[in-house]
Each structure stands twice: as structure tokens, then as C-alpha cells.
Amino acid sequence: MSSKRTYPRRVKTEAGEIEFRHMTAADEAAVLAFAKKLPVHDLLFIPRDISNPKVLAAWIKEMERGGLTSLLAVKGSEVVGCGTIVRDELSWSPHVGEIRMVVSKDVRGTGVGRSLSQEIFALALEMGLEKIVAQMTVDQRGAIALFESLGFKAEALLRGQVKDKTGKTYDIVVLGHNVAQVRAQLEAYGVPAAVS
């Protein structure tokens, strides 16, 4: 399904004006610089270490293939956030997408994360996904609250699922949003545009 949303798109936040735009191969160096500034703990709920140049190169190839849709949050010329929708149309779950998102510590608490999550969520809806999931370490309380505010609910706890570079393990919470069910309920009430 083609996107109805147009980019770049600008929003005002407490951190100043932020531009959202699709990530391209030309952004590789800027995204790598962003990822290298992130605390290692922030990277744990992303399945691969995006601060590794090989992982980032593979990410860009997957984006170009169409398996990922990534938006960047840019302040001035600096990447301050990235949100991605992962969808595998050849799997048993082509109706499910996963949102992966990370925001720079410098702009947390300023509305950048909320705006980026809303933008990514809207893109996921436009893709026609019936269910959207997100996962993060259980101590990422701000991220959990952000996704819960979008209607996500805890579905699973995976104990000891990720291990940092020092060998410490962390639990992951999986949050899900049944978009198809919400859409059906809204249509029953005559307000289908609320999830479009």
C-alpha cells in the first residue's frame, strides 16, 4: 500500500523544529554517528547493534529491498531519532509489523519521541497492518508509557532475552496493538477515519 503521508514533514517540539523524512542510503554516515552516541542500553531492544557499520549497511539494503520503512527525526543537520517499521510479507505474519524506535538522550522529554512514535504508527496504519508490536527492556519505562499511550498493551515478557556487551542479561517486554480490532470497533461506532 503506498503511503498517503508526504515527507519531509516538520513538527514543533520543546527541542525546536524537527524534520521527519524517509531514511536513504545517503543518510548512512549521519545515522551511524547518531547510533554511536546512544547509550548501549538504548540499543538492546533493537535486535541488532545499529552502531556497527556492517549492521547499518545491511539495514539500508533491507530498506532498499522494501522490508523496512525508516523515518529519521532531524534537528538542523543532526539525526536525533529513528523509527522503523519491520514487515515480512513472506512470513506467516504478513499482517503484523514491528515498530523499532530510538531517540537521542539530548531530546528526550521534549516531545520528539512522542511525535516520532505517532508518525511511525500512522505509517504502519497506512500500510494496512492489522497488528503492530514493539519490544523493549522492561526498565525502559518512558518508552513503555509512550507506546501504551498509543493503545499498545503488554503481551509477553521474555526473561533474559538480550545480553549487553558485559554479559548482563535483560528482560524484554513485548507490547502489541490489535489495529484490526480497534478499526472494527470504530467502524461500528461510525468513526473509521480515527485510525486512518
N, C-alpha and C. Protein backbone atom coordinates (compact mmCIF):
# COMPACT_ATOMS: atom_id res chain seq x y z
N MET A 1 0.85 -1.18 0.00
CA MET A 1 0.00 0.00 0.00
C MET A 1 0.89 1.23 0.00
N SER A 2 0.66 2.16 -0.88
CA SER A 2 1.50 3.34 -0.93
C SER A 2 1.11 4.32 0.17
N SER A 3 2.09 5.06 0.61
CA SER A 3 1.89 5.99 1.71
C SER A 3 1.15 7.24 1.25
N LYS A 4 0.20 7.68 2.06
CA LYS A 4 -0.51 8.92 1.79
C LYS A 4 0.21 10.09 2.45
N ARG A 5 1.05 9.78 3.40
CA ARG A 5 1.79 10.82 4.11
C ARG A 5 2.91 11.32 3.22
N THR A 6 3.19 12.60 3.30
CA THR A 6 4.25 13.17 2.49
C THR A 6 5.39 13.64 3.39
N TYR A 7 6.58 13.53 2.86
CA TYR A 7 7.78 13.92 3.61
C TYR A 7 8.68 14.74 2.70
N PRO A 8 9.46 15.63 3.29
CA PRO A 8 9.64 15.84 4.71
C PRO A 8 8.42 16.50 5.35
N ARG A 9 8.30 16.27 6.64
CA ARG A 9 7.21 16.82 7.45
C ARG A 9 7.87 17.46 8.68
N ARG A 10 7.46 18.65 9.03
CA ARG A 10 8.08 19.36 10.16
C ARG A 10 7.09 19.49 11.31
N VAL A 11 7.62 19.31 12.52
CA VAL A 11 6.80 19.48 13.72
C VAL A 11 7.58 20.34 14.72
N LYS A 12 6.83 21.07 15.50
CA LYS A 12 7.45 21.87 16.56
C LYS A 12 7.42 21.06 17.85
N THR A 13 8.56 21.02 18.53
CA THR A 13 8.67 20.33 19.81
C THR A 13 9.37 21.25 20.78
N GLU A 14 9.46 20.83 22.02
CA GLU A 14 10.20 21.62 23.01
C GLU A 14 11.69 21.68 22.67
N ALA A 15 12.17 20.76 21.85
CA ALA A 15 13.57 20.76 21.42
C ALA A 15 13.77 21.65 20.19
N GLY A 16 12.71 22.27 19.70
CA GLY A 16 12.78 23.08 18.48
C GLY A 16 12.10 22.35 17.34
N GLU A 17 12.26 22.88 16.14
CA GLU A 17 11.63 22.26 14.98
C GLU A 17 12.38 20.98 14.59
N ILE A 18 11.61 19.92 14.37
CA ILE A 18 12.15 18.62 13.98
C ILE A 18 11.58 18.28 12.61
N GLU A 19 12.45 17.80 11.73
CA GLU A 19 12.01 17.35 10.42
C GLU A 19 11.99 15.83 10.40
N PHE A 20 10.87 15.27 9.97
CA PHE A 20 10.76 13.84 9.75
C PHE A 20 10.91 13.60 8.25
N ARG A 21 11.77 12.64 7.90
CA ARG A 21 11.93 12.30 6.49
C ARG A 21 12.34 10.84 6.37
N HIS A 22 12.08 10.27 5.21
CA HIS A 22 12.47 8.89 4.96
C HIS A 22 13.99 8.78 4.96
N MET A 23 14.48 7.72 5.55
CA MET A 23 15.91 7.44 5.55
C MET A 23 16.30 6.86 4.19
N THR A 24 17.47 7.26 3.70
CA THR A 24 18.00 6.73 2.44
C THR A 24 19.46 6.31 2.66
N ALA A 25 20.04 5.71 1.65
CA ALA A 25 21.45 5.30 1.73
C ALA A 25 22.36 6.49 1.98
N ALA A 26 21.97 7.67 1.52
CA ALA A 26 22.78 8.87 1.73
C ALA A 26 22.87 9.26 3.21
N ASP A 27 22.00 8.71 4.04
CA ASP A 27 21.99 9.03 5.48
C ASP A 27 22.88 8.11 6.31
N GLU A 28 23.55 7.17 5.67
CA GLU A 28 24.29 6.15 6.41
C GLU A 28 25.26 6.74 7.43
N ALA A 29 26.08 7.71 7.02
CA ALA A 29 27.07 8.30 7.94
C ALA A 29 26.40 9.03 9.10
N ALA A 30 25.34 9.77 8.81
CA ALA A 30 24.64 10.52 9.86
C ALA A 30 23.95 9.59 10.85
N VAL A 31 23.38 8.50 10.35
CA VAL A 31 22.72 7.54 11.24
C VAL A 31 23.76 6.80 12.08
N LEU A 32 24.89 6.47 11.49
CA LEU A 32 25.95 5.81 12.24
C LEU A 32 26.46 6.73 13.35
N ALA A 33 26.64 8.01 13.06
CA ALA A 33 27.08 8.96 14.09
C ALA A 33 26.04 9.04 15.22
N PHE A 34 24.76 9.06 14.85
CA PHE A 34 23.67 9.07 15.84
C PHE A 34 23.73 7.82 16.71
N ALA A 35 23.85 6.66 16.08
CA ALA A 35 23.85 5.38 16.79
C ALA A 35 25.04 5.26 17.73
N LYS A 36 26.18 5.76 17.32
CA LYS A 36 27.39 5.65 18.15
C LYS A 36 27.30 6.52 19.41
N LYS A 37 26.44 7.55 19.38
CA LYS A 37 26.26 8.41 20.56
C LYS A 37 25.26 7.84 21.56
N LEU A 38 24.47 6.85 21.13
CA LEU A 38 23.45 6.28 22.01
C LEU A 38 24.08 5.43 23.10
N PRO A 39 23.51 5.48 24.31
CA PRO A 39 23.97 4.55 25.34
C PRO A 39 23.70 3.12 24.88
N VAL A 40 24.61 2.21 25.19
CA VAL A 40 24.47 0.82 24.76
C VAL A 40 23.12 0.25 25.21
N HIS A 41 22.69 0.60 26.40
CA HIS A 41 21.42 0.07 26.91
C HIS A 41 20.25 0.43 26.00
N ASP A 42 20.30 1.60 25.36
CA ASP A 42 19.23 2.02 24.46
C ASP A 42 19.14 1.15 23.21
N LEU A 43 20.24 0.51 22.86
CA LEU A 43 20.27 -0.32 21.66
C LEU A 43 19.78 -1.73 21.91
N LEU A 44 19.60 -2.12 23.18
CA LEU A 44 19.28 -3.51 23.50
C LEU A 44 17.94 -4.00 22.96
N PHE A 45 16.97 -3.11 22.79
CA PHE A 45 15.68 -3.59 22.32
C PHE A 45 15.57 -3.55 20.80
N ILE A 46 16.66 -3.17 20.14
CA ILE A 46 16.74 -3.30 18.69
C ILE A 46 17.51 -4.59 18.45
N PRO A 47 16.97 -5.52 17.67
CA PRO A 47 17.59 -6.85 17.56
C PRO A 47 19.06 -6.87 17.15
N ARG A 48 19.50 -5.84 16.43
CA ARG A 48 20.90 -5.80 16.02
C ARG A 48 21.52 -4.48 16.43
N ASP A 49 22.83 -4.48 16.61
CA ASP A 49 23.57 -3.30 17.05
C ASP A 49 23.77 -2.34 15.88
N ILE A 50 22.91 -1.32 15.79
CA ILE A 50 22.97 -0.39 14.66
C ILE A 50 24.17 0.55 14.72
N SER A 51 24.96 0.48 15.78
CA SER A 51 26.19 1.27 15.82
C SER A 51 27.33 0.54 15.11
N ASN A 52 27.07 -0.69 14.64
CA ASN A 52 28.04 -1.47 13.88
C ASN A 52 27.84 -1.14 12.39
N PRO A 53 28.88 -0.65 11.70
CA PRO A 53 28.72 -0.27 10.29
C PRO A 53 28.18 -1.39 9.39
N LYS A 54 28.55 -2.65 9.66
CA LYS A 54 28.04 -3.76 8.84
C LYS A 54 26.54 -3.94 9.02
N VAL A 55 26.08 -3.79 10.25
CA VAL A 55 24.65 -3.90 10.54
C VAL A 55 23.89 -2.77 9.85
N LEU A 56 24.43 -1.57 9.92
CA LEU A 56 23.79 -0.43 9.29
C LEU A 56 23.73 -0.61 7.77
N ALA A 57 24.78 -1.12 7.17
CA ALA A 57 24.78 -1.37 5.73
C ALA A 57 23.70 -2.39 5.35
N ALA A 58 23.56 -3.44 6.17
CA ALA A 58 22.53 -4.45 5.91
C ALA A 58 21.13 -3.84 6.07
N TRP A 59 20.97 -2.95 7.05
CA TRP A 59 19.70 -2.25 7.28
C TRP A 59 19.32 -1.47 6.02
N ILE A 60 20.27 -0.74 5.47
CA ILE A 60 19.99 0.07 4.28
C ILE A 60 19.63 -0.83 3.10
N LYS A 61 20.32 -1.95 2.94
CA LYS A 61 19.98 -2.89 1.85
C LYS A 61 18.56 -3.42 2.02
N GLU A 62 18.19 -3.74 3.26
CA GLU A 62 16.84 -4.25 3.54
C GLU A 62 15.79 -3.17 3.28
N MET A 63 16.12 -1.92 3.59
CA MET A 63 15.22 -0.80 3.30
C MET A 63 15.01 -0.68 1.79
N GLU A 64 16.10 -0.74 1.04
CA GLU A 64 16.01 -0.62 -0.41
C GLU A 64 15.23 -1.78 -1.02
N ARG A 65 15.28 -2.95 -0.38
CA ARG A 65 14.54 -4.13 -0.84
C ARG A 65 13.06 -3.99 -0.52
N GLY A 66 12.72 -3.16 0.46
CA GLY A 66 11.32 -2.94 0.82
C GLY A 66 10.87 -3.63 2.09
N GLY A 67 11.78 -4.30 2.80
CA GLY A 67 11.41 -4.99 4.03
C GLY A 67 11.31 -4.08 5.24
N LEU A 68 11.85 -2.89 5.13
CA LEU A 68 11.84 -1.92 6.23
C LEU A 68 11.40 -0.56 5.70
N THR A 69 10.72 0.19 6.54
CA THR A 69 10.43 1.59 6.26
C THR A 69 10.98 2.37 7.45
N SER A 70 11.91 3.28 7.20
CA SER A 70 12.54 4.02 8.30
C SER A 70 12.36 5.52 8.11
N LEU A 71 12.01 6.17 9.22
CA LEU A 71 11.92 7.62 9.26
C LEU A 71 13.00 8.15 10.19
N LEU A 72 13.59 9.26 9.80
CA LEU A 72 14.56 9.93 10.66
C LEU A 72 13.91 11.18 11.24
N ALA A 73 14.29 11.49 12.48
CA ALA A 73 13.96 12.77 13.10
C ALA A 73 15.25 13.57 13.06
N VAL A 74 15.22 14.72 12.39
CA VAL A 74 16.42 15.50 12.18
C VAL A 74 16.21 16.90 12.76
N LYS A 75 17.20 17.33 13.55
CA LYS A 75 17.19 18.69 14.11
C LYS A 75 18.39 19.41 13.52
N GLY A 76 18.13 20.41 12.70
CA GLY A 76 19.22 21.06 11.97
C GLY A 76 19.76 20.06 10.97
N SER A 77 21.02 19.65 11.14
CA SER A 77 21.59 18.64 10.25
C SER A 77 21.89 17.34 11.00
N GLU A 78 21.45 17.26 12.26
CA GLU A 78 21.78 16.11 13.10
C GLU A 78 20.59 15.18 13.27
N VAL A 79 20.83 13.88 13.10
CA VAL A 79 19.80 12.88 13.35
C VAL A 79 19.63 12.75 14.87
N VAL A 80 18.39 12.92 15.35
CA VAL A 80 18.13 12.83 16.79
C VAL A 80 17.15 11.69 17.11
N GLY A 81 16.69 11.00 16.08
CA GLY A 81 15.78 9.89 16.31
C GLY A 81 15.58 9.10 15.03
N CYS A 82 15.19 7.85 15.24
CA CYS A 82 14.92 6.98 14.10
C CYS A 82 13.82 6.02 14.48
N GLY A 83 12.86 5.87 13.60
CA GLY A 83 11.78 4.92 13.79
C GLY A 83 11.66 4.04 12.55
N THR A 84 11.46 2.76 12.77
CA THR A 84 11.41 1.80 11.67
C THR A 84 10.21 0.87 11.83
N ILE A 85 9.60 0.53 10.71
CA ILE A 85 8.56 -0.49 10.67
C ILE A 85 9.14 -1.69 9.93
N VAL A 86 9.13 -2.83 10.59
CA VAL A 86 9.64 -4.07 10.00
C VAL A 86 8.45 -4.95 9.67
N ARG A 87 8.44 -5.42 8.42
CA ARG A 87 7.33 -6.26 7.98
C ARG A 87 7.88 -7.33 7.05
N ASP A 88 7.52 -8.56 7.29
CA ASP A 88 7.98 -9.66 6.44
C ASP A 88 6.76 -10.23 5.72
N GLU A 89 6.56 -9.80 4.49
CA GLU A 89 5.38 -10.22 3.73
C GLU A 89 5.43 -11.68 3.31
N LEU A 90 6.59 -12.34 3.44
CA LEU A 90 6.70 -13.75 3.07
C LEU A 90 6.58 -14.68 4.28
N SER A 91 6.39 -14.11 5.46
CA SER A 91 6.27 -14.93 6.67
C SER A 91 4.82 -15.35 6.89
N TRP A 92 4.58 -16.09 7.98
CA TRP A 92 3.21 -16.46 8.36
C TRP A 92 2.48 -15.27 8.96
N SER A 93 3.18 -14.17 9.16
CA SER A 93 2.57 -13.00 9.79
C SER A 93 2.72 -11.75 8.92
N PRO A 94 2.27 -11.78 7.68
CA PRO A 94 2.42 -10.59 6.83
C PRO A 94 1.53 -9.43 7.29
N HIS A 95 0.58 -9.74 8.15
CA HIS A 95 -0.35 -8.73 8.65
C HIS A 95 0.20 -8.01 9.89
N VAL A 96 1.37 -8.45 10.36
CA VAL A 96 1.97 -7.90 11.58
C VAL A 96 3.22 -7.10 11.23
N GLY A 97 3.35 -5.94 11.84
CA GLY A 97 4.55 -5.13 11.69
C GLY A 97 5.14 -4.85 13.05
N GLU A 98 6.45 -4.66 13.08
CA GLU A 98 7.12 -4.33 14.34
C GLU A 98 7.67 -2.92 14.24
N ILE A 99 7.41 -2.12 15.25
CA ILE A 99 7.96 -0.78 15.33
C ILE A 99 9.23 -0.84 16.18
N ARG A 100 10.30 -0.29 15.63
CA ARG A 100 11.55 -0.15 16.38
C ARG A 100 11.89 1.33 16.37
N MET A 101 12.19 1.85 17.53
CA MET A 101 12.40 3.29 17.63
C MET A 101 13.43 3.62 18.69
N VAL A 102 14.25 4.62 18.41
CA VAL A 102 15.22 5.09 19.39
C VAL A 102 15.42 6.59 19.17
N VAL A 103 15.57 7.31 20.30
CA VAL A 103 15.70 8.76 20.27
C VAL A 103 16.91 9.16 21.10
N SER A 104 17.61 10.18 20.64
CA SER A 104 18.78 10.70 21.34
C SER A 104 18.43 11.15 22.75
N LYS A 105 19.34 10.90 23.68
CA LYS A 105 19.13 11.36 25.06
C LYS A 105 18.96 12.87 25.12
N ASP A 106 19.59 13.59 24.19
CA ASP A 106 19.57 15.06 24.20
C ASP A 106 18.17 15.63 24.00
N VAL A 107 17.27 14.86 23.38
CA VAL A 107 15.93 15.41 23.09
C VAL A 107 14.82 14.66 23.81
N ARG A 108 15.17 13.76 24.71
CA ARG A 108 14.12 13.04 25.44
C ARG A 108 13.37 13.99 26.36
N GLY A 109 12.09 13.72 26.48
CA GLY A 109 11.25 14.56 27.33
C GLY A 109 10.82 15.86 26.68
N THR A 110 11.09 16.00 25.37
CA THR A 110 10.75 17.25 24.68
C THR A 110 9.65 17.05 23.63
N GLY A 111 9.11 15.85 23.53
CA GLY A 111 8.06 15.59 22.57
C GLY A 111 8.54 14.99 21.26
N VAL A 112 9.85 14.86 21.08
CA VAL A 112 10.38 14.29 19.84
C VAL A 112 9.98 12.81 19.73
N GLY A 113 10.18 12.05 20.80
CA GLY A 113 9.82 10.64 20.80
C GLY A 113 8.34 10.42 20.56
N ARG A 114 7.52 11.22 21.21
CA ARG A 114 6.07 11.10 21.03
C ARG A 114 5.68 11.40 19.59
N SER A 115 6.22 12.47 19.03
CA SER A 115 5.90 12.83 17.64
C SER A 115 6.38 11.76 16.68
N LEU A 116 7.58 11.24 16.90
CA LEU A 116 8.12 10.20 16.02
C LEU A 116 7.29 8.92 16.13
N SER A 117 6.91 8.54 17.34
CA SER A 117 6.11 7.32 17.50
C SER A 117 4.74 7.48 16.84
N GLN A 118 4.14 8.64 16.93
CA GLN A 118 2.86 8.88 16.27
C GLN A 118 2.99 8.82 14.74
N GLU A 119 4.09 9.36 14.25
CA GLU A 119 4.32 9.35 12.81
C GLU A 119 4.53 7.93 12.30
N ILE A 120 5.34 7.15 13.01
CA ILE A 120 5.60 5.76 12.63
C ILE A 120 4.31 4.94 12.73
N PHE A 121 3.54 5.18 13.78
CA PHE A 121 2.27 4.47 13.96
C PHE A 121 1.33 4.77 12.79
N ALA A 122 1.25 6.04 12.39
CA ALA A 122 0.39 6.42 11.27
C ALA A 122 0.84 5.73 9.98
N LEU A 123 2.15 5.64 9.76
CA LEU A 123 2.65 4.94 8.58
C LEU A 123 2.29 3.46 8.63
N ALA A 124 2.39 2.85 9.81
CA ALA A 124 2.04 1.43 9.96
C ALA A 124 0.57 1.22 9.62
N LEU A 125 -0.28 2.14 10.03
CA LEU A 125 -1.71 2.03 9.71
C LEU A 125 -1.94 2.15 8.21
N GLU A 126 -1.24 3.08 7.57
CA GLU A 126 -1.38 3.26 6.13
C GLU A 126 -0.93 2.03 5.36
N MET A 127 -0.01 1.26 5.93
CA MET A 127 0.47 0.04 5.27
C MET A 127 -0.58 -1.07 5.34
N GLY A 128 -1.66 -0.83 6.09
CA GLY A 128 -2.71 -1.83 6.20
C GLY A 128 -2.41 -2.93 7.21
N LEU A 129 -1.45 -2.69 8.09
CA LEU A 129 -1.13 -3.70 9.09
C LEU A 129 -2.31 -3.90 10.03
N GLU A 130 -2.54 -5.15 10.41
CA GLU A 130 -3.64 -5.48 11.31
C GLU A 130 -3.19 -5.51 12.77
N LYS A 131 -1.91 -5.75 12.96
CA LYS A 131 -1.36 -5.80 14.31
C LYS A 131 0.03 -5.19 14.26
N ILE A 132 0.35 -4.44 15.31
CA ILE A 132 1.67 -3.81 15.42
C ILE A 132 2.25 -4.18 16.78
N VAL A 133 3.52 -4.55 16.79
CA VAL A 133 4.19 -4.89 18.04
C VAL A 133 5.42 -4.00 18.22
N ALA A 134 5.83 -3.88 19.46
CA ALA A 134 7.06 -3.17 19.82
C ALA A 134 7.65 -3.90 21.01
N GLN A 135 8.96 -3.92 21.10
CA GLN A 135 9.58 -4.57 22.25
C GLN A 135 10.69 -3.70 22.80
N MET A 136 10.88 -3.80 24.10
CA MET A 136 11.91 -3.01 24.78
C MET A 136 12.25 -3.66 26.11
N THR A 137 13.37 -3.27 26.69
CA THR A 137 13.71 -3.80 28.00
C THR A 137 12.71 -3.25 29.02
N VAL A 138 12.44 -4.04 30.04
CA VAL A 138 11.38 -3.69 30.99
C VAL A 138 11.68 -2.41 31.76
N ASP A 139 12.93 -2.02 31.83
CA ASP A 139 13.26 -0.80 32.57
C ASP A 139 13.13 0.47 31.72
N GLN A 140 12.74 0.32 30.46
CA GLN A 140 12.53 1.48 29.58
C GLN A 140 11.12 2.03 29.83
N ARG A 141 10.89 2.51 31.03
CA ARG A 141 9.55 2.93 31.46
C ARG A 141 8.95 4.03 30.58
N GLY A 142 9.78 4.98 30.18
CA GLY A 142 9.29 6.07 29.33
C GLY A 142 8.79 5.54 28.00
N ALA A 143 9.55 4.63 27.39
CA ALA A 143 9.16 4.06 26.09
C ALA A 143 7.89 3.23 26.24
N ILE A 144 7.80 2.47 27.32
CA ILE A 144 6.60 1.65 27.55
C ILE A 144 5.38 2.55 27.70
N ALA A 145 5.51 3.61 28.49
CA ALA A 145 4.39 4.55 28.69
C ALA A 145 3.99 5.21 27.36
N LEU A 146 4.98 5.54 26.55
CA LEU A 146 4.72 6.17 25.26
C LEU A 146 3.88 5.25 24.37
N PHE A 147 4.28 3.98 24.28
CA PHE A 147 3.53 3.05 23.44
C PHE A 147 2.16 2.73 24.05
N GLU A 148 2.08 2.63 25.36
CA GLU A 148 0.77 2.41 25.99
C GLU A 148 -0.17 3.57 25.70
N SER A 149 0.36 4.79 25.60
CA SER A 149 -0.49 5.95 25.30
C SER A 149 -1.05 5.86 23.87
N LEU A 150 -0.42 5.06 23.02
CA LEU A 150 -0.92 4.84 21.65
C LEU A 150 -1.88 3.65 21.58
N GLY A 151 -2.13 3.00 22.72
CA GLY A 151 -3.06 1.88 22.75
C GLY A 151 -2.41 0.51 22.77
N PHE A 152 -1.09 0.46 22.87
CA PHE A 152 -0.40 -0.82 22.97
C PHE A 152 -0.61 -1.42 24.35
N LYS A 153 -0.64 -2.74 24.42
CA LYS A 153 -0.79 -3.45 25.69
C LYS A 153 0.28 -4.52 25.78
N ALA A 154 0.74 -4.78 27.01
CA ALA A 154 1.75 -5.82 27.22
C ALA A 154 1.18 -7.18 26.83
N GLU A 155 1.95 -7.95 26.06
CA GLU A 155 1.52 -9.27 25.63
C GLU A 155 2.45 -10.38 26.08
N ALA A 156 3.72 -10.05 26.31
CA ALA A 156 4.67 -11.09 26.69
C ALA A 156 5.85 -10.49 27.42
N LEU A 157 6.43 -11.30 28.28
CA LEU A 157 7.67 -10.96 28.96
C LEU A 157 8.66 -12.06 28.62
N LEU A 158 9.77 -11.68 28.01
CA LEU A 158 10.81 -12.63 27.62
C LEU A 158 11.98 -12.45 28.57
N ARG A 159 12.14 -13.37 29.48
CA ARG A 159 13.17 -13.25 30.51
C ARG A 159 14.57 -13.55 29.94
N GLY A 160 15.52 -12.69 30.31
CA GLY A 160 16.90 -12.88 29.89
C GLY A 160 17.07 -12.89 28.38
N GLN A 161 16.25 -12.17 27.66
CA GLN A 161 16.21 -12.24 26.20
C GLN A 161 17.41 -11.58 25.51
N VAL A 162 17.92 -10.51 26.10
CA VAL A 162 19.06 -9.82 25.49
C VAL A 162 20.21 -9.74 26.47
N LYS A 163 21.42 -9.68 25.91
CA LYS A 163 22.62 -9.62 26.73
C LYS A 163 23.47 -8.47 26.22
N ASP A 164 23.90 -7.60 27.15
CA ASP A 164 24.75 -6.48 26.73
C ASP A 164 26.20 -6.96 26.56
N LYS A 165 27.08 -6.05 26.20
CA LYS A 165 28.46 -6.41 25.90
C LYS A 165 29.24 -6.88 27.12
N THR A 166 28.71 -6.59 28.33
CA THR A 166 29.37 -7.05 29.55
C THR A 166 28.86 -8.41 29.98
N GLY A 167 27.84 -8.92 29.31
CA GLY A 167 27.28 -10.22 29.64
C GLY A 167 26.05 -10.17 30.53
N LYS A 168 25.63 -8.97 30.92
CA LYS A 168 24.42 -8.83 31.75
C LYS A 168 23.18 -9.05 30.88
N THR A 169 22.24 -9.85 31.39
CA THR A 169 21.00 -10.11 30.64
C THR A 169 19.88 -9.18 31.10
N TYR A 170 18.94 -8.97 30.20
CA TYR A 170 17.79 -8.10 30.46
C TYR A 170 16.53 -8.77 29.94
N ASP A 171 15.43 -8.50 30.64
CA ASP A 171 14.13 -8.98 30.20
C ASP A 171 13.57 -8.01 29.16
N ILE A 172 12.82 -8.57 28.22
CA ILE A 172 12.16 -7.77 27.17
C ILE A 172 10.65 -7.89 27.35
N VAL A 173 9.96 -6.77 27.25
CA VAL A 173 8.50 -6.79 27.23
C VAL A 173 8.07 -6.59 25.78
N VAL A 174 7.09 -7.37 25.35
CA VAL A 174 6.53 -7.24 24.01
C VAL A 174 5.15 -6.60 24.16
N LEU A 175 4.97 -5.47 23.51
CA LEU A 175 3.70 -4.75 23.53
C LEU A 175 3.04 -4.93 22.16
N GLY A 176 1.73 -5.07 22.16
CA GLY A 176 1.01 -5.24 20.91
C GLY A 176 -0.18 -4.32 20.80
N HIS A 177 -0.54 -4.01 19.57
CA HIS A 177 -1.71 -3.19 19.29
C HIS A 177 -2.49 -3.89 18.18
N ASN A 178 -3.71 -4.33 18.49
CA ASN A 178 -4.54 -5.01 17.52
C ASN A 178 -5.32 -3.96 16.73
N VAL A 179 -4.71 -3.46 15.69
CA VAL A 179 -5.28 -2.39 14.89
C VAL A 179 -6.59 -2.81 14.24
N ALA A 180 -6.64 -4.04 13.74
CA ALA A 180 -7.85 -4.52 13.06
C ALA A 180 -9.04 -4.51 14.01
N GLN A 181 -8.83 -4.92 15.26
CA GLN A 181 -9.92 -4.93 16.24
C GLN A 181 -10.37 -3.51 16.55
N VAL A 182 -9.43 -2.61 16.75
CA VAL A 182 -9.77 -1.22 17.05
C VAL A 182 -10.49 -0.59 15.86
N ARG A 183 -9.99 -0.88 14.65
CA ARG A 183 -10.63 -0.33 13.45
C ARG A 183 -12.08 -0.83 13.34
N ALA A 184 -12.30 -2.11 13.60
CA ALA A 184 -13.66 -2.68 13.53
C ALA A 184 -14.57 -2.02 14.57
N GLN A 185 -14.05 -1.80 15.78
CA GLN A 185 -14.86 -1.15 16.82
C GLN A 185 -15.22 0.27 16.42
N LEU A 186 -14.25 1.00 15.87
CA LEU A 186 -14.52 2.38 15.46
C LEU A 186 -15.51 2.42 14.30
N GLU A 187 -15.38 1.48 13.36
CA GLU A 187 -16.34 1.44 12.26
C GLU A 187 -17.75 1.14 12.76
N ALA A 188 -17.84 0.31 13.80
CA ALA A 188 -19.15 0.00 14.38
C ALA A 188 -19.78 1.26 14.99
N TYR A 189 -18.91 2.16 15.47
CA TYR A 189 -19.40 3.42 16.04
C TYR A 189 -19.48 4.53 15.00
N GLY A 190 -19.10 4.24 13.75
CA GLY A 190 -19.20 5.22 12.69
C GLY A 190 -18.05 6.19 12.62
N VAL A 191 -16.90 5.83 13.17
CA VAL A 191 -15.75 6.75 13.11
C VAL A 191 -14.49 6.05 12.58
N PRO A 192 -14.54 5.45 11.37
CA PRO A 192 -13.38 4.71 10.86
C PRO A 192 -12.17 5.60 10.57
N ALA A 193 -12.37 6.88 10.31
CA ALA A 193 -11.25 7.76 9.98
C ALA A 193 -10.31 7.97 11.18
N ALA A 194 -10.72 7.61 12.36
CA ALA A 194 -9.90 7.83 13.55
C ALA A 194 -8.61 7.01 13.53
N VAL A 195 -8.58 5.90 12.79
CA VAL A 195 -7.37 5.09 12.72
C VAL A 195 -6.72 5.15 11.34
N SER A 196 -7.11 6.13 10.55
CA SER A 196 -6.51 6.27 9.22
C SER A 196 -5.50 7.37 9.22
